[in-house]
PDB file of all heavy atoms in Angstrom:
ATOM      1  N   THR A   1       0.847  -1.189   0.000  1.00  0.00           N
ATOM      2  CA  THR A   1       0.000   0.000   0.000  1.00  0.00           C
ATOM      3  C   THR A   1       0.885   1.242   0.000  1.00  0.00           C
ATOM      4  O   THR A   1       1.770   1.378   0.848  1.00  0.00           O
ATOM      5  CB  THR A   1      -0.922   0.034   1.231  1.00  0.00           C
ATOM      6  OG1 THR A   1      -1.748  -1.131   1.243  1.00  0.00           O
ATOM      7  CG2 THR A   1      -1.817   1.270   1.192  1.00  0.00           C
ATOM      8  N   LEU A   2       0.627   2.141  -0.944  1.00  0.00           N
ATOM      9  CA  LEU A   2       1.350   3.407  -1.051  1.00  0.00           C
ATOM     10  C   LEU A   2       0.361   4.554  -0.935  1.00  0.00           C
ATOM     11  O   LEU A   2      -0.726   4.518  -1.507  1.00  0.00           O
ATOM     12  CB  LEU A   2       2.095   3.507  -2.387  1.00  0.00           C
ATOM     13  CG  LEU A   2       3.183   2.463  -2.653  1.00  0.00           C
ATOM     14  CD1 LEU A   2       3.765   2.651  -4.050  1.00  0.00           C
ATOM     15  CD2 LEU A   2       4.286   2.549  -1.616  1.00  0.00           C
ATOM     16  N   PHE A   3       0.773   5.592  -0.197  1.00  0.00           N
ATOM     17  CA  PHE A   3      -0.059   6.767   0.069  1.00  0.00           C
ATOM     18  C   PHE A   3       0.622   7.967  -0.582  1.00  0.00           C
ATOM     19  O   PHE A   3       1.750   8.307  -0.221  1.00  0.00           O
ATOM     20  CB  PHE A   3      -0.171   6.953   1.579  1.00  0.00           C
ATOM     21  CG  PHE A   3      -1.162   7.986   2.040  1.00  0.00           C
ATOM     22  CD1 PHE A   3      -2.388   7.613   2.547  1.00  0.00           C
ATOM     23  CD2 PHE A   3      -0.857   9.343   2.007  1.00  0.00           C
ATOM     24  CE1 PHE A   3      -3.298   8.556   3.013  1.00  0.00           C
ATOM     25  CE2 PHE A   3      -1.749  10.293   2.462  1.00  0.00           C
ATOM     26  CZ  PHE A   3      -2.985   9.901   2.964  1.00  0.00           C
ATOM     27  N   PHE A   4      -0.058   8.625  -1.536  1.00  0.00           N
ATOM     28  CA  PHE A   4       0.516   9.731  -2.306  1.00  0.00           C
ATOM     29  C   PHE A   4      -0.180  11.042  -1.946  1.00  0.00           C
ATOM     30  O   PHE A   4      -1.396  11.068  -1.714  1.00  0.00           O
ATOM     31  CB  PHE A   4       0.343   9.487  -3.807  1.00  0.00           C
ATOM     32  CG  PHE A   4       1.098   8.309  -4.349  1.00  0.00           C
ATOM     33  CD1 PHE A   4       0.606   7.011  -4.193  1.00  0.00           C
ATOM     34  CD2 PHE A   4       2.294   8.477  -5.038  1.00  0.00           C
ATOM     35  CE1 PHE A   4       1.291   5.921  -4.703  1.00  0.00           C
ATOM     36  CE2 PHE A   4       2.985   7.398  -5.553  1.00  0.00           C
ATOM     37  CZ  PHE A   4       2.484   6.106  -5.381  1.00  0.00           C
ATOM     38  N   ASN A   5       0.581  12.140  -1.977  1.00  0.00           N
ATOM     39  CA  ASN A   5       0.000  13.451  -1.662  1.00  0.00           C
ATOM     40  C   ASN A   5       0.725  14.571  -2.392  1.00  0.00           C
ATOM     41  O   ASN A   5       1.958  14.598  -2.450  1.00  0.00           O
ATOM     42  CB  ASN A   5       0.096  13.720  -0.159  1.00  0.00           C
ATOM     43  CG  ASN A   5      -0.336  15.130   0.202  1.00  0.00           C
ATOM     44  OD1 ASN A   5      -1.472  15.515  -0.027  1.00  0.00           O
ATOM     45  ND2 ASN A   5       0.580  15.912   0.744  1.00  0.00           N
ATOM     46  N   ASN A   6      -0.045  15.501  -2.950  1.00  0.00           N
ATOM     47  CA  ASN A   6       0.445  16.810  -3.393  1.00  0.00           C
ATOM     48  C   ASN A   6      -0.059  17.848  -2.408  1.00  0.00           C
ATOM     49  O   ASN A   6      -1.279  17.973  -2.209  1.00  0.00           O
ATOM     50  CB  ASN A   6      -0.086  17.181  -4.783  1.00  0.00           C
ATOM     51  CG  ASN A   6       0.704  16.542  -5.906  1.00  0.00           C
ATOM     52  OD1 ASN A   6       1.791  16.018  -5.703  1.00  0.00           O
ATOM     53  ND2 ASN A   6       0.143  16.577  -7.112  1.00  0.00           N
ATOM     54  N   GLU A   7       0.850  18.577  -1.776  1.00  0.00           N
ATOM     55  CA  GLU A   7       0.453  19.605  -0.813  1.00  0.00           C
ATOM     56  C   GLU A   7       0.445  20.964  -1.497  1.00  0.00           C
ATOM     57  O   GLU A   7       1.494  21.474  -1.898  1.00  0.00           O
ATOM     58  CB  GLU A   7       1.408  19.618   0.380  1.00  0.00           C
ATOM     59  CG  GLU A   7       0.885  20.406   1.561  1.00  0.00           C
ATOM     60  CD  GLU A   7      -0.335  19.744   2.192  1.00  0.00           C
ATOM     61  OE1 GLU A   7      -0.455  18.508   2.176  1.00  0.00           O
ATOM     62  OE2 GLU A   7      -1.187  20.507   2.717  1.00  0.00           O
ATOM     63  N   ASP A   8      -0.735  21.568  -1.633  1.00  0.00           N
ATOM     64  CA  ASP A   8      -0.907  22.831  -2.341  1.00  0.00           C
ATOM     65  C   ASP A   8      -1.152  23.955  -1.346  1.00  0.00           C
ATOM     66  O   ASP A   8      -2.071  23.875  -0.529  1.00  0.00           O
ATOM     67  CB  ASP A   8      -2.108  22.750  -3.298  1.00  0.00           C
ATOM     68  CG  ASP A   8      -2.023  21.578  -4.259  1.00  0.00           C
ATOM     69  OD1 ASP A   8      -0.902  21.065  -4.458  1.00  0.00           O
ATOM     70  OD2 ASP A   8      -3.072  21.175  -4.797  1.00  0.00           O
ATOM     71  N   TYR A   9      -0.338  24.995  -1.441  1.00  0.00           N
ATOM     72  CA  TYR A   9      -0.528  26.137  -0.532  1.00  0.00           C
ATOM     73  C   TYR A   9       0.367  27.279  -1.007  1.00  0.00           C
ATOM     74  O   TYR A   9       1.153  27.129  -1.947  1.00  0.00           O
ATOM     75  CB  TYR A   9      -0.198  25.735   0.914  1.00  0.00           C
ATOM     76  CG  TYR A   9      -0.661  26.725   1.957  1.00  0.00           C
ATOM     77  CD1 TYR A   9      -1.958  27.225   1.942  1.00  0.00           C
ATOM     78  CD2 TYR A   9       0.188  27.147   2.962  1.00  0.00           C
ATOM     79  CE1 TYR A   9      -2.384  28.124   2.892  1.00  0.00           C
ATOM     80  CE2 TYR A   9      -0.235  28.051   3.923  1.00  0.00           C
ATOM     81  CZ  TYR A   9      -1.524  28.532   3.887  1.00  0.00           C
ATOM     82  OH  TYR A   9      -1.946  29.428   4.825  1.00  0.00           O
ATOM     83  N   SER A  10       0.251  28.428  -0.333  1.00  0.00           N
ATOM     84  CA  SER A  10       1.026  29.602  -0.733  1.00  0.00           C
ATOM     85  C   SER A  10       2.372  29.701  -0.028  1.00  0.00           C
ATOM     86  O   SER A  10       3.239  30.454  -0.459  1.00  0.00           O
ATOM     87  CB  SER A  10       0.215  30.877  -0.449  1.00  0.00           C
ATOM     88  OG  SER A  10      -0.147  30.934   0.930  1.00  0.00           O
ATOM     89  N   ASN A  11       2.561  28.965   1.074  1.00  0.00           N
ATOM     90  CA  ASN A  11       3.777  29.073   1.879  1.00  0.00           C
ATOM     91  C   ASN A  11       4.854  28.127   1.346  1.00  0.00           C
ATOM     92  O   ASN A  11       4.657  26.904   1.348  1.00  0.00           O
ATOM     93  CB  ASN A  11       3.460  28.738   3.338  1.00  0.00           C
ATOM     94  CG  ASN A  11       4.651  28.919   4.263  1.00  0.00           C
ATOM     95  OD1 ASN A  11       5.734  29.295   3.838  1.00  0.00           O
ATOM     96  ND2 ASN A  11       4.453  28.640   5.536  1.00  0.00           N
ATOM     97  N   PRO A  12       6.023  28.636   0.929  1.00  0.00           N
ATOM     98  CA  PRO A  12       7.081  27.758   0.415  1.00  0.00           C
ATOM     99  C   PRO A  12       7.950  27.131   1.497  1.00  0.00           C
ATOM    100  O   PRO A  12       8.782  26.272   1.192  1.00  0.00           O
ATOM    101  CB  PRO A  12       7.910  28.707  -0.452  1.00  0.00           C
ATOM    102  CG  PRO A  12       7.778  30.030   0.234  1.00  0.00           C
ATOM    103  CD  PRO A  12       6.373  30.071   0.780  1.00  0.00           C
ATOM    104  N   ALA A  13       7.775  27.536   2.753  1.00  0.00           N
ATOM    105  CA  ALA A  13       8.640  27.050   3.838  1.00  0.00           C
ATOM    106  C   ALA A  13       8.100  25.723   4.359  1.00  0.00           C
ATOM    107  O   ALA A  13       7.353  25.662   5.344  1.00  0.00           O
ATOM    108  CB  ALA A  13       8.721  28.084   4.958  1.00  0.00           C
ATOM    109  N   THR A  14       8.465  24.624   3.696  1.00  0.00           N
ATOM    110  CA  THR A  14       7.939  23.303   4.014  1.00  0.00           C
ATOM    111  C   THR A  14       8.922  22.502   4.862  1.00  0.00           C
ATOM    112  O   THR A  14      10.141  22.649   4.737  1.00  0.00           O
ATOM    113  CB  THR A  14       7.638  22.535   2.728  1.00  0.00           C
ATOM    114  OG1 THR A  14       8.835  22.461   1.929  1.00  0.00           O
ATOM    115  CG2 THR A  14       6.562  23.240   1.924  1.00  0.00           C
ATOM    116  N   ARG A  15       8.373  21.636   5.709  1.00  0.00           N
ATOM    117  CA  ARG A  15       9.214  20.860   6.626  1.00  0.00           C
ATOM    118  C   ARG A  15       8.660  19.455   6.828  1.00  0.00           C
ATOM    119  O   ARG A  15       7.458  19.223   6.683  1.00  0.00           O
ATOM    120  CB  ARG A  15       9.310  21.566   7.996  1.00  0.00           C
ATOM    121  CG  ARG A  15      10.150  22.819   7.983  1.00  0.00           C
ATOM    122  CD  ARG A  15      10.129  23.514   9.335  1.00  0.00           C
ATOM    123  NE  ARG A  15      11.088  24.625   9.366  1.00  0.00           N
ATOM    124  CZ  ARG A  15      11.214  25.481  10.375  1.00  0.00           C
ATOM    125  NH1 ARG A  15      10.444  25.343  11.449  1.00  0.00           N
ATOM    126  NH2 ARG A  15      12.098  26.453  10.334  1.00  0.00           N
ATOM    127  N   ILE A  16       9.562  18.555   7.211  1.00  0.00           N
ATOM    128  CA  ILE A  16       9.192  17.235   7.698  1.00  0.00           C
ATOM    129  C   ILE A  16       9.852  17.062   9.060  1.00  0.00           C
ATOM    130  O   ILE A  16      11.012  17.435   9.232  1.00  0.00           O
ATOM    131  CB  ILE A  16       9.610  16.122   6.725  1.00  0.00           C
ATOM    132  CG1 ILE A  16       9.236  14.741   7.289  1.00  0.00           C
ATOM    133  CG2 ILE A  16      11.107  16.185   6.395  1.00  0.00           C
ATOM    134  CD1 ILE A  16       9.411  13.606   6.286  1.00  0.00           C
ATOM    135  N   TRP A  17       9.098  16.552  10.054  1.00  0.00           N
ATOM    136  CA  TRP A  17       9.677  16.387  11.382  1.00  0.00           C
ATOM    137  C   TRP A  17       9.251  15.042  11.974  1.00  0.00           C
ATOM    138  O   TRP A  17       8.250  14.443  11.570  1.00  0.00           O
ATOM    139  CB  TRP A  17       9.329  17.542  12.304  1.00  0.00           C
ATOM    140  CG  TRP A  17       7.895  17.821  12.607  1.00  0.00           C
ATOM    141  CD1 TRP A  17       7.192  17.443  13.716  1.00  0.00           C
ATOM    142  CD2 TRP A  17       6.975  18.600  11.816  1.00  0.00           C
ATOM    143  NE1 TRP A  17       5.906  17.928  13.676  1.00  0.00           N
ATOM    144  CE2 TRP A  17       5.750  18.633  12.531  1.00  0.00           C
ATOM    145  CE3 TRP A  17       7.072  19.264  10.583  1.00  0.00           C
ATOM    146  CZ2 TRP A  17       4.621  19.294  12.033  1.00  0.00           C
ATOM    147  CZ3 TRP A  17       5.959  19.922  10.091  1.00  0.00           C
ATOM    148  CH2 TRP A  17       4.754  19.939  10.816  1.00  0.00           C
ATOM    149  N   PHE A  18      10.068  14.586  12.922  1.00  0.00           N
ATOM    150  CA  PHE A  18       9.928  13.241  13.467  1.00  0.00           C
ATOM    151  C   PHE A  18       9.766  13.291  14.985  1.00  0.00           C
ATOM    152  O   PHE A  18      10.562  13.910  15.681  1.00  0.00           O
ATOM    153  CB  PHE A  18      11.145  12.390  13.101  1.00  0.00           C
ATOM    154  CG  PHE A  18      11.325  12.225  11.619  1.00  0.00           C
ATOM    155  CD1 PHE A  18      12.054  13.149  10.880  1.00  0.00           C
ATOM    156  CD2 PHE A  18      10.746  11.149  10.960  1.00  0.00           C
ATOM    157  CE1 PHE A  18      12.204  13.008   9.505  1.00  0.00           C
ATOM    158  CE2 PHE A  18      10.893  10.998   9.577  1.00  0.00           C
ATOM    159  CZ  PHE A  18      11.621  11.933   8.858  1.00  0.00           C
ATOM    160  N   GLN A  19       8.700  12.622  15.467  1.00  0.00           N
ATOM    161  CA  GLN A  19       8.412  12.514  16.890  1.00  0.00           C
ATOM    162  C   GLN A  19       8.569  11.052  17.303  1.00  0.00           C
ATOM    163  O   GLN A  19       7.746  10.207  16.948  1.00  0.00           O
ATOM    164  CB  GLN A  19       6.982  12.979  17.187  1.00  0.00           C
ATOM    165  CG  GLN A  19       6.805  14.468  17.259  1.00  0.00           C
ATOM    166  CD  GLN A  19       7.210  15.020  18.636  1.00  0.00           C
ATOM    167  OE1 GLN A  19       7.740  14.302  19.466  1.00  0.00           O
ATOM    168  NE2 GLN A  19       6.952  16.291  18.851  1.00  0.00           N
ATOM    169  N   PRO A  20       9.638  10.702  18.034  1.00  0.00           N
ATOM    170  CA  PRO A  20       9.821   9.303  18.450  1.00  0.00           C
ATOM    171  C   PRO A  20       8.706   8.826  19.377  1.00  0.00           C
ATOM    172  O   PRO A  20       8.021   9.623  20.011  1.00  0.00           O
ATOM    173  CB  PRO A  20      11.172   9.327  19.176  1.00  0.00           C
ATOM    174  CG  PRO A  20      11.851  10.569  18.701  1.00  0.00           C
ATOM    175  CD  PRO A  20      10.762  11.555  18.443  1.00  0.00           C
ATOM    176  N   ALA A  21       8.574   7.506  19.474  1.00  0.00           N
ATOM    177  CA  ALA A  21       7.578   6.911  20.350  1.00  0.00           C
ATOM    178  C   ALA A  21       7.959   7.104  21.810  1.00  0.00           C
ATOM    179  O   ALA A  21       9.130   7.225  22.160  1.00  0.00           O
ATOM    180  CB  ALA A  21       7.439   5.426  20.037  1.00  0.00           C
ATOM    181  N   THR A  22       6.953   7.156  22.657  1.00  0.00           N
ATOM    182  CA  THR A  22       7.115   7.141  24.114  1.00  0.00           C
ATOM    183  C   THR A  22       6.218   6.032  24.655  1.00  0.00           C
ATOM    184  O   THR A  22       5.565   5.312  23.881  1.00  0.00           O
ATOM    185  CB  THR A  22       6.722   8.485  24.743  1.00  0.00           C
ATOM    186  OG1 THR A  22       5.288   8.637  24.654  1.00  0.00           O
ATOM    187  CG2 THR A  22       7.396   9.657  24.026  1.00  0.00           C
ATOM    188  N   LYS A  23       6.141   5.903  25.963  1.00  0.00           N
ATOM    189  CA  LYS A  23       5.268   4.877  26.531  1.00  0.00           C
ATOM    190  C   LYS A  23       3.796   5.185  26.264  1.00  0.00           C
ATOM    191  O   LYS A  23       2.941   4.288  26.346  1.00  0.00           O
ATOM    192  CB  LYS A  23       5.509   4.734  28.032  1.00  0.00           C
ATOM    193  CG  LYS A  23       5.156   5.955  28.863  1.00  0.00           C
ATOM    194  CD  LYS A  23       5.468   5.730  30.324  1.00  0.00           C
ATOM    195  CE  LYS A  23       5.094   6.953  31.178  1.00  0.00           C
ATOM    196  NZ  LYS A  23       3.639   7.159  31.208  1.00  0.00           N
ATOM    197  N   ASP A  24       3.471   6.435  25.929  1.00  0.00           N
ATOM    198  CA  ASP A  24       2.084   6.831  25.693  1.00  0.00           C
ATOM    199  C   ASP A  24       1.752   7.101  24.235  1.00  0.00           C
ATOM    200  O   ASP A  24       0.571   7.165  23.881  1.00  0.00           O
ATOM    201  CB  ASP A  24       1.753   8.100  26.497  1.00  0.00           C
ATOM    202  CG  ASP A  24       1.778   7.866  27.990  1.00  0.00           C
ATOM    203  OD1 ASP A  24       1.373   6.774  28.429  1.00  0.00           O
ATOM    204  OD2 ASP A  24       2.209   8.771  28.721  1.00  0.00           O
ATOM    205  N   TYR A  25       2.762   7.287  23.376  1.00  0.00           N
ATOM    206  CA  TYR A  25       2.514   7.733  22.011  1.00  0.00           C
ATOM    207  C   TYR A  25       3.304   6.902  21.004  1.00  0.00           C
ATOM    208  O   TYR A  25       4.435   6.486  21.280  1.00  0.00           O
ATOM    209  CB  TYR A  25       2.902   9.205  21.840  1.00  0.00           C
ATOM    210  CG  TYR A  25       2.247  10.137  22.831  1.00  0.00           C
ATOM    211  CD1 TYR A  25       2.992  10.747  23.841  1.00  0.00           C
ATOM    212  CD2 TYR A  25       0.884  10.407  22.757  1.00  0.00           C
ATOM    213  CE1 TYR A  25       2.390  11.606  24.750  1.00  0.00           C
ATOM    214  CE2 TYR A  25       0.277  11.251  23.664  1.00  0.00           C
ATOM    215  CZ  TYR A  25       1.027  11.851  24.660  1.00  0.00           C
ATOM    216  OH  TYR A  25       0.431  12.685  25.565  1.00  0.00           O
ATOM    217  N   TYR A  26       2.737   6.709  19.831  1.00  0.00           N
ATOM    218  CA  TYR A  26       3.442   6.054  18.742  1.00  0.00           C
ATOM    219  C   TYR A  26       4.393   7.035  18.070  1.00  0.00           C
ATOM    220  O   TYR A  26       4.160   8.250  18.063  1.00  0.00           O
ATOM    221  CB  TYR A  26       2.452   5.518  17.703  1.00  0.00           C
ATOM    222  CG  TYR A  26       1.502   4.470  18.211  1.00  0.00           C
ATOM    223  CD1 TYR A  26       0.205   4.370  17.708  1.00  0.00           C
ATOM    224  CD2 TYR A  26       1.895   3.565  19.198  1.00  0.00           C
ATOM    225  CE1 TYR A  26      -0.678   3.398  18.159  1.00  0.00           C
ATOM    226  CE2 TYR A  26       1.024   2.593  19.663  1.00  0.00           C
ATOM    227  CZ  TYR A  26      -0.261   2.516  19.141  1.00  0.00           C
ATOM    228  OH  TYR A  26      -1.124   1.555  19.598  1.00  0.00           O
TER     229      TYR A  26
END
């Protein structure tokens, strides 16, 4: 299964960030 996305908006300042798992969160 592959999930594809085009993100359309006016702001060019795009980011990807990572939140590691904890005992309460994935």
